[in-house]
N, C-alpha and C. Protein backbone atom coordinates (compact mmCIF):
# COMPACT_ATOMS: atom_id res chain seq x y z
N MET A 1 -139.03 -66.56 -93.30
CA MET A 1 -139.80 -66.40 -92.08
C MET A 1 -138.89 -65.88 -90.92
N ARG A 2 -137.70 -66.49 -90.87
CA ARG A 2 -136.73 -66.05 -89.83
C ARG A 2 -136.34 -64.57 -89.97
N LYS A 3 -136.16 -64.18 -91.25
CA LYS A 3 -135.80 -62.77 -91.51
C LYS A 3 -136.89 -61.82 -91.08
N LEU A 4 -138.14 -62.21 -91.29
CA LEU A 4 -139.28 -61.38 -90.89
C LEU A 4 -139.33 -61.30 -89.37
N ILE A 5 -139.11 -62.44 -88.67
CA ILE A 5 -139.09 -62.36 -87.20
C ILE A 5 -137.98 -61.51 -86.67
N CYS A 6 -136.75 -61.62 -87.26
CA CYS A 6 -135.67 -60.83 -86.85
C CYS A 6 -135.94 -59.32 -87.10
N LEU A 7 -136.49 -59.06 -88.23
CA LEU A 7 -136.86 -57.69 -88.57
C LEU A 7 -137.87 -57.12 -87.61
N LEU A 8 -138.89 -57.88 -87.24
CA LEU A 8 -139.87 -57.44 -86.24
C LEU A 8 -139.26 -57.23 -84.89
N PHE A 9 -138.34 -58.13 -84.47
CA PHE A 9 -137.66 -57.97 -83.21
C PHE A 9 -136.82 -56.72 -83.18
N VAL A 10 -136.05 -56.44 -84.22
CA VAL A 10 -135.25 -55.22 -84.28
C VAL A 10 -136.15 -53.96 -84.25
N PHE A 11 -137.21 -53.99 -84.97
CA PHE A 11 -138.16 -52.89 -84.95
C PHE A 11 -138.72 -52.68 -83.57
N ALA A 12 -139.19 -53.71 -82.91
CA ALA A 12 -139.71 -53.63 -81.55
C ALA A 12 -138.73 -53.09 -80.56
N MET A 13 -137.48 -53.53 -80.68
CA MET A 13 -136.44 -53.01 -79.78
C MET A 13 -136.13 -51.57 -80.00
N SER A 14 -136.17 -51.09 -81.27
CA SER A 14 -135.89 -49.73 -81.51
C SER A 14 -137.05 -48.82 -81.08
N VAL A 15 -138.27 -49.28 -81.15
CA VAL A 15 -139.38 -48.55 -80.67
C VAL A 15 -139.38 -48.55 -79.09
N ALA A 16 -139.06 -49.66 -78.55
CA ALA A 16 -139.02 -49.77 -77.07
C ALA A 16 -137.85 -48.92 -76.47
N GLY A 17 -136.83 -48.67 -77.26
CA GLY A 17 -135.72 -47.87 -76.80
C GLY A 17 -136.09 -46.42 -76.56
N CYS A 18 -137.20 -45.98 -77.08
CA CYS A 18 -137.69 -44.61 -76.83
C CYS A 18 -138.54 -44.54 -75.63
N ALA A 19 -138.87 -45.66 -75.04
CA ALA A 19 -139.74 -45.68 -73.86
C ALA A 19 -139.01 -45.15 -72.60
N ASN A 20 -139.73 -44.34 -71.88
CA ASN A 20 -139.25 -43.87 -70.57
C ASN A 20 -137.93 -43.12 -70.64
N MET A 21 -137.78 -42.25 -71.56
CA MET A 21 -136.62 -41.43 -71.66
C MET A 21 -136.81 -40.14 -70.82
N PRO A 22 -135.75 -39.62 -70.22
CA PRO A 22 -135.82 -38.40 -69.38
C PRO A 22 -136.21 -37.19 -70.27
N THR A 23 -136.78 -36.24 -69.66
CA THR A 23 -137.12 -34.95 -70.33
C THR A 23 -135.89 -34.09 -70.43
N PRO A 24 -135.66 -33.50 -71.63
CA PRO A 24 -134.52 -32.55 -71.75
C PRO A 24 -134.71 -31.36 -70.79
N SER A 25 -133.61 -30.91 -70.19
CA SER A 25 -133.68 -29.85 -69.22
C SER A 25 -134.35 -28.56 -69.80
N SER A 26 -134.18 -28.32 -71.07
CA SER A 26 -134.75 -27.16 -71.72
C SER A 26 -136.28 -27.24 -71.80
N GLN A 27 -136.85 -28.37 -71.61
CA GLN A 27 -138.34 -28.56 -71.68
C GLN A 27 -138.96 -28.63 -70.33
N ILE A 28 -138.15 -28.50 -69.28
CA ILE A 28 -138.73 -28.56 -67.87
C ILE A 28 -139.05 -27.12 -67.49
N THR A 29 -140.37 -26.88 -67.21
CA THR A 29 -140.78 -25.56 -66.87
C THR A 29 -140.83 -25.45 -65.36
N GLY A 30 -140.87 -24.16 -64.89
CA GLY A 30 -140.94 -23.95 -63.51
C GLY A 30 -142.26 -24.23 -62.87
N SER A 31 -142.24 -24.85 -61.69
CA SER A 31 -143.50 -25.12 -60.98
C SER A 31 -143.91 -23.83 -60.20
N TYR A 32 -145.19 -23.73 -59.90
CA TYR A 32 -145.66 -22.55 -59.13
C TYR A 32 -145.04 -22.47 -57.76
N THR A 33 -144.50 -21.29 -57.44
CA THR A 33 -144.00 -21.03 -56.11
C THR A 33 -144.56 -19.72 -55.63
N SER A 34 -145.08 -19.68 -54.42
CA SER A 34 -145.60 -18.44 -53.92
C SER A 34 -144.53 -17.48 -53.61
N GLY A 35 -144.84 -16.18 -53.89
CA GLY A 35 -143.87 -15.11 -53.62
C GLY A 35 -143.85 -14.69 -52.16
N LEU A 36 -144.77 -15.20 -51.35
CA LEU A 36 -144.83 -14.76 -49.91
C LEU A 36 -143.53 -15.02 -49.18
N ARG A 37 -142.79 -16.04 -49.57
CA ARG A 37 -141.55 -16.32 -48.91
C ARG A 37 -140.54 -15.16 -49.05
N TYR A 38 -140.62 -14.37 -50.13
CA TYR A 38 -139.66 -13.38 -50.42
C TYR A 38 -140.12 -11.99 -50.04
N GLU A 39 -141.28 -11.82 -49.44
CA GLU A 39 -141.79 -10.46 -49.14
C GLU A 39 -140.92 -9.71 -48.19
N GLY A 40 -140.28 -10.37 -47.21
CA GLY A 40 -139.41 -9.68 -46.23
C GLY A 40 -138.01 -9.47 -46.69
N PHE A 41 -137.66 -9.89 -47.91
CA PHE A 41 -136.30 -9.74 -48.39
C PHE A 41 -136.10 -8.33 -48.97
N ASP A 42 -134.94 -7.76 -48.72
CA ASP A 42 -134.58 -6.46 -49.39
C ASP A 42 -133.95 -6.83 -50.72
N CYS A 43 -133.66 -5.79 -51.50
CA CYS A 43 -133.18 -5.93 -52.92
C CYS A 43 -131.85 -6.74 -52.91
N SER A 44 -130.92 -6.42 -52.05
CA SER A 44 -129.62 -7.11 -52.10
C SER A 44 -129.77 -8.60 -51.74
N ARG A 45 -130.67 -8.87 -50.80
CA ARG A 45 -130.92 -10.27 -50.41
C ARG A 45 -131.60 -11.03 -51.59
N LEU A 46 -132.53 -10.36 -52.24
CA LEU A 46 -133.21 -10.97 -53.40
C LEU A 46 -132.22 -11.23 -54.53
N ALA A 47 -131.28 -10.33 -54.73
CA ALA A 47 -130.28 -10.50 -55.80
C ALA A 47 -129.38 -11.73 -55.41
N ALA A 48 -129.01 -11.85 -54.17
CA ALA A 48 -128.17 -12.92 -53.73
C ALA A 48 -128.94 -14.26 -53.91
N GLU A 49 -130.25 -14.26 -53.53
CA GLU A 49 -131.07 -15.44 -53.67
C GLU A 49 -131.22 -15.89 -55.15
N LEU A 50 -131.40 -14.86 -56.01
CA LEU A 50 -131.50 -15.17 -57.45
C LEU A 50 -130.22 -15.73 -58.00
N ASP A 51 -129.10 -15.21 -57.54
CA ASP A 51 -127.75 -15.73 -57.97
C ASP A 51 -127.60 -17.15 -57.50
N SER A 52 -127.96 -17.44 -56.27
CA SER A 52 -127.87 -18.81 -55.74
C SER A 52 -128.76 -19.81 -56.48
N LEU A 53 -130.00 -19.35 -56.78
CA LEU A 53 -130.86 -20.20 -57.54
C LEU A 53 -130.36 -20.47 -58.94
N ALA A 54 -129.76 -19.45 -59.51
CA ALA A 54 -129.20 -19.63 -60.91
C ALA A 54 -128.08 -20.65 -60.94
N ARG A 55 -127.22 -20.65 -59.87
CA ARG A 55 -126.14 -21.63 -59.80
C ARG A 55 -126.76 -23.03 -59.62
N ARG A 56 -127.78 -23.13 -58.72
CA ARG A 56 -128.38 -24.47 -58.52
C ARG A 56 -129.11 -24.94 -59.78
N GLU A 57 -129.72 -24.00 -60.52
CA GLU A 57 -130.39 -24.44 -61.75
C GLU A 57 -129.42 -24.97 -62.72
N ASN A 58 -128.21 -24.34 -62.84
CA ASN A 58 -127.17 -24.84 -63.74
C ASN A 58 -126.70 -26.26 -63.33
N GLN A 59 -126.48 -26.50 -62.05
CA GLN A 59 -126.04 -27.81 -61.58
C GLN A 59 -127.14 -28.88 -61.91
N LEU A 60 -128.40 -28.51 -61.73
CA LEU A 60 -129.46 -29.49 -61.98
C LEU A 60 -129.62 -29.74 -63.48
N SER A 61 -129.41 -28.73 -64.30
CA SER A 61 -129.52 -28.89 -65.72
C SER A 61 -128.46 -29.86 -66.20
N ILE A 62 -127.19 -29.69 -65.68
CA ILE A 62 -126.14 -30.59 -66.03
C ILE A 62 -126.41 -32.04 -65.55
N ALA A 63 -127.00 -32.16 -64.38
CA ALA A 63 -127.36 -33.52 -63.87
C ALA A 63 -128.43 -34.13 -64.76
N GLN A 64 -129.38 -33.32 -65.20
CA GLN A 64 -130.46 -33.90 -66.02
C GLN A 64 -129.91 -34.31 -67.37
N GLU A 65 -129.03 -33.49 -67.94
CA GLU A 65 -128.41 -33.91 -69.22
C GLU A 65 -127.54 -35.15 -69.10
N GLN A 66 -126.89 -35.31 -67.96
CA GLN A 66 -126.09 -36.55 -67.68
C GLN A 66 -127.07 -37.74 -67.61
N ARG A 67 -128.20 -37.54 -66.95
CA ARG A 67 -129.21 -38.58 -66.84
C ARG A 67 -129.69 -39.02 -68.23
N ILE A 68 -129.82 -38.07 -69.12
CA ILE A 68 -130.30 -38.38 -70.50
C ILE A 68 -129.22 -39.24 -71.21
N LYS A 69 -127.96 -38.87 -71.03
CA LYS A 69 -126.89 -39.63 -71.68
C LYS A 69 -126.86 -41.06 -71.17
N THR A 70 -126.94 -41.18 -69.86
CA THR A 70 -126.96 -42.53 -69.23
C THR A 70 -128.17 -43.31 -69.70
N SER A 71 -129.30 -42.64 -69.78
CA SER A 71 -130.49 -43.32 -70.16
C SER A 71 -130.45 -43.81 -71.64
N GLN A 72 -129.79 -42.98 -72.47
CA GLN A 72 -129.72 -43.40 -73.88
C GLN A 72 -128.85 -44.63 -74.01
N THR A 73 -127.79 -44.74 -73.19
CA THR A 73 -126.97 -45.92 -73.19
C THR A 73 -127.76 -47.07 -72.72
N GLN A 74 -128.51 -46.86 -71.66
CA GLN A 74 -129.32 -48.00 -71.13
C GLN A 74 -130.39 -48.45 -72.10
N ALA A 75 -130.95 -47.47 -72.78
CA ALA A 75 -131.98 -47.78 -73.77
C ALA A 75 -131.42 -48.56 -74.93
N PHE A 76 -130.17 -48.26 -75.32
CA PHE A 76 -129.52 -48.95 -76.41
C PHE A 76 -129.39 -50.46 -76.02
N TRP A 77 -128.90 -50.70 -74.79
CA TRP A 77 -128.66 -52.10 -74.40
C TRP A 77 -129.88 -52.86 -73.92
N TRP A 78 -130.72 -52.19 -73.17
CA TRP A 78 -131.87 -52.90 -72.51
C TRP A 78 -133.25 -52.60 -73.16
N GLY A 79 -133.29 -51.54 -73.94
CA GLY A 79 -134.56 -51.28 -74.62
C GLY A 79 -135.47 -50.30 -73.90
N PHE A 80 -135.00 -49.75 -72.76
CA PHE A 80 -135.80 -48.72 -72.02
C PHE A 80 -134.84 -47.80 -71.31
N GLY A 81 -135.36 -46.58 -71.09
CA GLY A 81 -134.54 -45.58 -70.37
C GLY A 81 -134.86 -45.49 -68.94
N GLN A 82 -134.22 -44.55 -68.28
CA GLN A 82 -134.40 -44.43 -66.79
C GLN A 82 -135.61 -43.54 -66.44
N GLY A 83 -136.04 -42.65 -67.34
CA GLY A 83 -137.10 -41.73 -67.04
C GLY A 83 -136.52 -40.59 -66.20
N ASP A 84 -137.42 -39.70 -65.81
CA ASP A 84 -137.05 -38.53 -64.97
C ASP A 84 -136.81 -38.97 -63.54
N GLY A 85 -135.88 -38.29 -62.91
CA GLY A 85 -135.58 -38.55 -61.50
C GLY A 85 -135.80 -37.32 -60.66
N ILE A 86 -135.17 -37.29 -59.53
CA ILE A 86 -135.34 -36.15 -58.62
C ILE A 86 -134.75 -34.86 -59.24
N GLU A 87 -133.86 -34.99 -60.14
CA GLU A 87 -133.26 -33.81 -60.81
C GLU A 87 -134.32 -33.02 -61.50
N ALA A 88 -135.21 -33.66 -62.23
CA ALA A 88 -136.21 -32.99 -63.03
C ALA A 88 -137.25 -32.24 -62.08
N SER A 89 -137.70 -32.88 -61.03
CA SER A 89 -138.62 -32.21 -60.16
C SER A 89 -137.98 -31.09 -59.41
N GLU A 90 -136.75 -31.24 -58.99
CA GLU A 90 -136.04 -30.21 -58.30
C GLU A 90 -135.69 -29.04 -59.22
N LEU A 91 -135.38 -29.35 -60.45
CA LEU A 91 -135.17 -28.29 -61.49
C LEU A 91 -136.42 -27.44 -61.68
N ALA A 92 -137.61 -28.13 -61.75
CA ALA A 92 -138.89 -27.39 -61.89
C ALA A 92 -139.10 -26.47 -60.67
N ASN A 93 -138.79 -26.97 -59.48
CA ASN A 93 -138.95 -26.17 -58.26
C ASN A 93 -138.02 -24.97 -58.28
N VAL A 94 -136.75 -25.17 -58.65
CA VAL A 94 -135.80 -24.07 -58.64
C VAL A 94 -136.19 -22.98 -59.69
N ARG A 95 -136.68 -23.43 -60.83
CA ARG A 95 -137.09 -22.48 -61.83
C ARG A 95 -138.36 -21.68 -61.37
N GLY A 96 -139.22 -22.34 -60.64
CA GLY A 96 -140.34 -21.65 -60.10
C GLY A 96 -139.99 -20.67 -59.03
N GLU A 97 -139.00 -21.03 -58.18
CA GLU A 97 -138.49 -20.08 -57.17
C GLU A 97 -137.84 -18.87 -57.80
N LYS A 98 -137.07 -19.14 -58.91
CA LYS A 98 -136.42 -18.01 -59.57
C LYS A 98 -137.42 -17.03 -60.09
N GLU A 99 -138.55 -17.57 -60.61
CA GLU A 99 -139.59 -16.63 -61.11
C GLU A 99 -140.23 -15.87 -60.00
N ALA A 100 -140.43 -16.55 -58.85
CA ALA A 100 -140.97 -15.87 -57.70
C ALA A 100 -140.05 -14.74 -57.20
N VAL A 101 -138.77 -14.99 -57.25
CA VAL A 101 -137.80 -13.95 -56.83
C VAL A 101 -137.83 -12.80 -57.76
N ARG A 102 -137.87 -13.09 -59.10
CA ARG A 102 -137.92 -12.03 -60.08
C ARG A 102 -139.17 -11.17 -59.92
N LYS A 103 -140.27 -11.78 -59.63
CA LYS A 103 -141.49 -11.01 -59.42
C LYS A 103 -141.39 -10.18 -58.10
N ALA A 104 -140.76 -10.67 -57.11
CA ALA A 104 -140.58 -9.94 -55.87
C ALA A 104 -139.71 -8.76 -56.14
N MET A 105 -138.69 -8.91 -56.98
CA MET A 105 -137.78 -7.83 -57.33
C MET A 105 -138.49 -6.77 -58.10
N GLU A 106 -139.36 -7.16 -59.02
CA GLU A 106 -140.15 -6.23 -59.78
C GLU A 106 -141.08 -5.46 -58.91
N THR A 107 -141.74 -6.12 -57.97
CA THR A 107 -142.67 -5.53 -57.01
C THR A 107 -141.98 -4.49 -56.16
N LYS A 108 -140.77 -4.79 -55.70
CA LYS A 108 -140.03 -3.87 -54.87
C LYS A 108 -139.28 -2.79 -55.62
N GLY A 109 -139.27 -2.90 -56.90
CA GLY A 109 -138.63 -1.87 -57.71
C GLY A 109 -137.15 -2.00 -57.67
N CYS A 110 -136.58 -3.14 -57.45
CA CYS A 110 -135.18 -3.30 -57.44
C CYS A 110 -134.50 -2.92 -58.77
N GLN A 111 -133.43 -2.20 -58.70
CA GLN A 111 -132.70 -1.77 -59.93
C GLN A 111 -131.64 -2.82 -60.22
N GLY A 112 -131.16 -2.82 -61.39
CA GLY A 112 -130.06 -3.72 -61.81
C GLY A 112 -130.45 -4.65 -62.91
N ASN A 113 -129.54 -5.50 -63.29
CA ASN A 113 -129.78 -6.43 -64.36
C ASN A 113 -130.22 -7.81 -63.87
N TYR A 114 -130.56 -7.95 -62.62
CA TYR A 114 -130.96 -9.24 -62.12
C TYR A 114 -132.33 -9.64 -62.59
N ILE A 115 -133.23 -8.71 -62.79
CA ILE A 115 -134.60 -9.06 -63.17
C ILE A 115 -134.59 -9.70 -64.56
N SER A 116 -133.85 -9.19 -65.48
CA SER A 116 -133.90 -9.66 -66.85
C SER A 116 -133.14 -10.97 -67.12
N LYS A 117 -132.35 -11.44 -66.10
CA LYS A 117 -131.60 -12.70 -66.28
C LYS A 117 -132.55 -13.88 -66.46
N LYS A 118 -132.16 -14.83 -67.32
CA LYS A 118 -132.99 -16.00 -67.52
C LYS A 118 -132.21 -17.21 -67.08
């Protein structure tokens, strides 16, 4: 009987360890952002904005992956993870802004390899 109770406890803890885990950064999609903000930008300013957003996206992706690692450790010891934090929502916003800048660059006919960057 004790073995059954211990087995059930271990099973429950392993299932609970999957609860409230952060979303991998690769699965966070961009939120909608209006392109009106970028209408007055010229091509060089749009390129600079896209470059800045790409750097910020990289920082947030690293922060989200670190949150996942920390959450996995917490889930191992306590049975639950941290869930998504501000990093995930800000990453979605930055990805949405990058898409809006790309669309503005396409609309203005900006030349260069900035449009095709992901």
